[in-house]
Amino acid sequence: MWAVVVVTVNLLAGPQAIVVTAPGTFKTEAGCLAAIKASVPASLDAPSKAAFASGARKYVCVRVDELGALPPH
């Protein structure tokens, strides 16, 4: 599984990575990247869009680590 993660780095607070839960998870990295391409930056508010355009806000796909996950029922 793959998930969309937004990554920012603040000079005083340091790095921050937040999983974007709205689109859910994806079976493939290609599907995840397609979701980012389809919705970013169009769905962002003005400050977030400016941060994205300047490179201060990145959206990446990260593979979900299933280690320790409960088996499906």
N, C-alpha and C. Protein backbone atom coordinates (compact mmCIF):
# COMPACT_ATOMS: atom_id res chain seq x y z
N MET A 1 0.84 -1.18 0.00
CA MET A 1 0.00 0.00 0.00
C MET A 1 0.88 1.24 0.00
N TRP A 2 0.35 2.29 -0.57
CA TRP A 2 1.05 3.57 -0.65
C TRP A 2 0.14 4.68 -0.12
N ALA A 3 0.74 5.69 0.50
CA ALA A 3 -0.02 6.81 1.04
C ALA A 3 0.64 8.12 0.62
N VAL A 4 -0.19 9.16 0.50
CA VAL A 4 0.30 10.51 0.20
C VAL A 4 0.74 11.15 1.51
N VAL A 5 1.94 11.74 1.49
CA VAL A 5 2.47 12.42 2.67
C VAL A 5 2.90 13.82 2.25
N VAL A 6 2.52 14.82 3.05
CA VAL A 6 2.98 16.18 2.80
C VAL A 6 4.15 16.44 3.75
N VAL A 7 5.22 16.98 3.20
CA VAL A 7 6.45 17.21 3.96
C VAL A 7 6.80 18.69 3.93
N THR A 8 7.05 19.23 5.12
CA THR A 8 7.52 20.62 5.25
C THR A 8 8.67 20.64 6.25
N VAL A 9 9.50 21.67 6.17
CA VAL A 9 10.57 21.86 7.14
C VAL A 9 10.50 23.30 7.62
N ASN A 10 10.35 23.45 8.93
CA ASN A 10 10.29 24.77 9.54
C ASN A 10 11.63 25.05 10.20
N LEU A 11 12.14 26.24 10.01
CA LEU A 11 13.45 26.60 10.53
C LEU A 11 13.56 26.38 12.04
N LEU A 12 12.52 26.71 12.79
CA LEU A 12 12.58 26.58 14.25
C LEU A 12 12.05 25.24 14.75
N ALA A 13 11.01 24.73 14.12
CA ALA A 13 10.37 23.51 14.60
C ALA A 13 10.93 22.24 13.96
N GLY A 14 11.62 22.38 12.85
CA GLY A 14 12.18 21.21 12.17
C GLY A 14 11.23 20.59 11.17
N PRO A 15 11.52 19.35 10.76
CA PRO A 15 10.71 18.70 9.73
C PRO A 15 9.36 18.24 10.26
N GLN A 16 8.40 18.22 9.34
CA GLN A 16 7.07 17.74 9.67
C GLN A 16 6.56 16.93 8.48
N ALA A 17 6.05 15.75 8.74
CA ALA A 17 5.46 14.91 7.70
C ALA A 17 4.08 14.47 8.18
N ILE A 18 3.08 14.72 7.35
CA ILE A 18 1.70 14.41 7.71
C ILE A 18 1.09 13.56 6.61
N VAL A 19 0.49 12.43 7.00
CA VAL A 19 -0.20 11.58 6.02
C VAL A 19 -1.50 12.27 5.64
N VAL A 20 -1.73 12.38 4.33
CA VAL A 20 -2.97 12.96 3.81
C VAL A 20 -3.98 11.82 3.72
N THR A 21 -4.98 11.84 4.59
CA THR A 21 -5.90 10.71 4.68
C THR A 21 -7.09 10.77 3.72
N ALA A 22 -7.41 11.95 3.21
CA ALA A 22 -8.60 12.10 2.36
C ALA A 22 -8.63 11.15 1.16
N PRO A 23 -7.53 11.01 0.43
CA PRO A 23 -7.62 10.11 -0.73
C PRO A 23 -7.51 8.62 -0.37
N GLY A 24 -7.18 8.31 0.87
CA GLY A 24 -7.00 6.92 1.27
C GLY A 24 -5.63 6.39 0.86
N THR A 25 -5.51 5.08 0.76
CA THR A 25 -4.25 4.46 0.35
C THR A 25 -4.40 3.90 -1.07
N PHE A 26 -3.28 3.57 -1.65
CA PHE A 26 -3.25 3.12 -3.04
C PHE A 26 -2.50 1.81 -3.14
N LYS A 27 -2.90 0.97 -4.06
CA LYS A 27 -2.24 -0.32 -4.24
C LYS A 27 -0.86 -0.18 -4.85
N THR A 28 -0.67 0.87 -5.68
CA THR A 28 0.62 1.04 -6.35
C THR A 28 1.13 2.47 -6.17
N GLU A 29 2.43 2.61 -6.32
CA GLU A 29 3.02 3.95 -6.25
C GLU A 29 2.52 4.80 -7.41
N ALA A 30 2.34 4.19 -8.58
CA ALA A 30 1.84 4.92 -9.74
C ALA A 30 0.46 5.51 -9.47
N GLY A 31 -0.40 4.74 -8.81
CA GLY A 31 -1.73 5.25 -8.47
C GLY A 31 -1.65 6.41 -7.49
N CYS A 32 -0.75 6.31 -6.55
CA CYS A 32 -0.55 7.37 -5.57
C CYS A 32 -0.06 8.65 -6.25
N LEU A 33 0.94 8.50 -7.12
CA LEU A 33 1.48 9.66 -7.84
C LEU A 33 0.42 10.30 -8.74
N ALA A 34 -0.43 9.47 -9.35
CA ALA A 34 -1.50 10.00 -10.20
C ALA A 34 -2.48 10.82 -9.37
N ALA A 35 -2.76 10.39 -8.15
CA ALA A 35 -3.67 11.14 -7.27
C ALA A 35 -3.08 12.49 -6.91
N ILE A 36 -1.78 12.53 -6.65
CA ILE A 36 -1.11 13.81 -6.35
C ILE A 36 -1.20 14.72 -7.56
N LYS A 37 -0.88 14.19 -8.72
CA LYS A 37 -0.91 14.99 -9.95
C LYS A 37 -2.31 15.54 -10.25
N ALA A 38 -3.33 14.75 -9.94
CA ALA A 38 -4.71 15.15 -10.23
C ALA A 38 -5.25 16.21 -9.27
N SER A 39 -4.73 16.24 -8.05
CA SER A 39 -5.35 17.14 -7.07
C SER A 39 -4.44 18.24 -6.51
N VAL A 40 -3.15 18.13 -6.71
CA VAL A 40 -2.23 19.16 -6.20
C VAL A 40 -1.69 19.92 -7.40
N PRO A 41 -1.67 21.22 -7.41
CA PRO A 41 -2.02 22.16 -6.35
C PRO A 41 -3.46 22.69 -6.42
N ALA A 42 -4.27 22.19 -7.32
CA ALA A 42 -5.62 22.75 -7.51
C ALA A 42 -6.46 22.80 -6.24
N SER A 43 -6.30 21.83 -5.36
CA SER A 43 -7.15 21.76 -4.16
C SER A 43 -6.58 22.53 -2.96
N LEU A 44 -5.43 23.16 -3.12
CA LEU A 44 -4.78 23.85 -2.00
C LEU A 44 -5.32 25.26 -1.81
N ASP A 45 -5.29 25.73 -0.55
CA ASP A 45 -5.63 27.13 -0.29
C ASP A 45 -4.44 27.99 -0.73
N ALA A 46 -4.62 29.29 -0.76
CA ALA A 46 -3.61 30.21 -1.29
C ALA A 46 -2.24 30.08 -0.60
N PRO A 47 -2.17 30.09 0.74
CA PRO A 47 -0.85 29.96 1.38
C PRO A 47 -0.17 28.62 1.08
N SER A 48 -0.96 27.55 1.08
CA SER A 48 -0.39 26.23 0.79
C SER A 48 0.06 26.13 -0.66
N LYS A 49 -0.71 26.74 -1.56
CA LYS A 49 -0.35 26.74 -2.98
C LYS A 49 0.96 27.50 -3.20
N ALA A 50 1.13 28.62 -2.51
CA ALA A 50 2.38 29.40 -2.62
C ALA A 50 3.56 28.60 -2.08
N ALA A 51 3.35 27.91 -0.96
CA ALA A 51 4.42 27.08 -0.38
C ALA A 51 4.78 25.93 -1.32
N PHE A 52 3.78 25.33 -1.95
CA PHE A 52 4.02 24.26 -2.91
C PHE A 52 4.80 24.78 -4.12
N ALA A 53 4.40 25.93 -4.63
CA ALA A 53 5.05 26.51 -5.81
C ALA A 53 6.51 26.86 -5.53
N SER A 54 6.80 27.28 -4.30
CA SER A 54 8.17 27.68 -3.97
C SER A 54 9.04 26.49 -3.56
N GLY A 55 8.43 25.31 -3.41
CA GLY A 55 9.19 24.13 -3.01
C GLY A 55 9.26 23.92 -1.51
N ALA A 56 8.57 24.77 -0.74
CA ALA A 56 8.59 24.65 0.72
C ALA A 56 7.60 23.60 1.23
N ARG A 57 6.80 23.07 0.34
CA ARG A 57 5.80 22.05 0.70
C ARG A 57 5.83 21.01 -0.41
N LYS A 58 6.10 19.76 -0.06
CA LYS A 58 6.19 18.69 -1.05
C LYS A 58 5.17 17.60 -0.74
N TYR A 59 4.62 17.02 -1.78
CA TYR A 59 3.72 15.88 -1.65
C TYR A 59 4.44 14.68 -2.25
N VAL A 60 4.58 13.63 -1.47
CA VAL A 60 5.31 12.45 -1.90
C VAL A 60 4.49 11.20 -1.59
N CYS A 61 4.83 10.12 -2.24
CA CYS A 61 4.20 8.82 -1.97
C CYS A 61 5.17 7.99 -1.15
N VAL A 62 4.66 7.43 -0.07
CA VAL A 62 5.47 6.61 0.83
C VAL A 62 4.80 5.26 0.99
N ARG A 63 5.61 4.22 0.89
CA ARG A 63 5.05 2.87 1.06
C ARG A 63 4.68 2.66 2.52
N VAL A 64 3.50 2.13 2.74
CA VAL A 64 3.01 1.87 4.09
C VAL A 64 3.69 0.61 4.61
N ASP A 65 4.31 0.73 5.77
CA ASP A 65 4.97 -0.40 6.41
C ASP A 65 3.92 -1.25 7.09
N GLU A 66 3.74 -2.45 6.63
CA GLU A 66 2.70 -3.32 7.16
C GLU A 66 3.23 -4.23 8.27
N LEU A 67 4.45 -4.01 8.70
CA LEU A 67 5.05 -4.82 9.76
C LEU A 67 4.22 -4.66 11.04
N GLY A 68 3.80 -5.74 11.59
CA GLY A 68 3.00 -5.69 12.81
C GLY A 68 1.52 -5.48 12.59
N ALA A 69 1.11 -5.33 11.35
CA ALA A 69 -0.32 -5.14 11.06
C ALA A 69 -1.08 -6.43 11.34
N LEU A 70 -2.31 -6.27 11.79
CA LEU A 70 -3.13 -7.45 12.03
C LEU A 70 -3.55 -8.07 10.70
N PRO A 71 -3.61 -9.40 10.64
CA PRO A 71 -4.05 -10.03 9.39
C PRO A 71 -5.52 -9.71 9.12
N PRO A 72 -5.90 -9.63 7.84
CA PRO A 72 -7.31 -9.34 7.53
C PRO A 72 -8.21 -10.45 8.04
N HIS A 73 -9.43 -10.10 8.39
CA HIS A 73 -10.40 -11.09 8.89
C HIS A 73 -11.10 -11.75 7.73
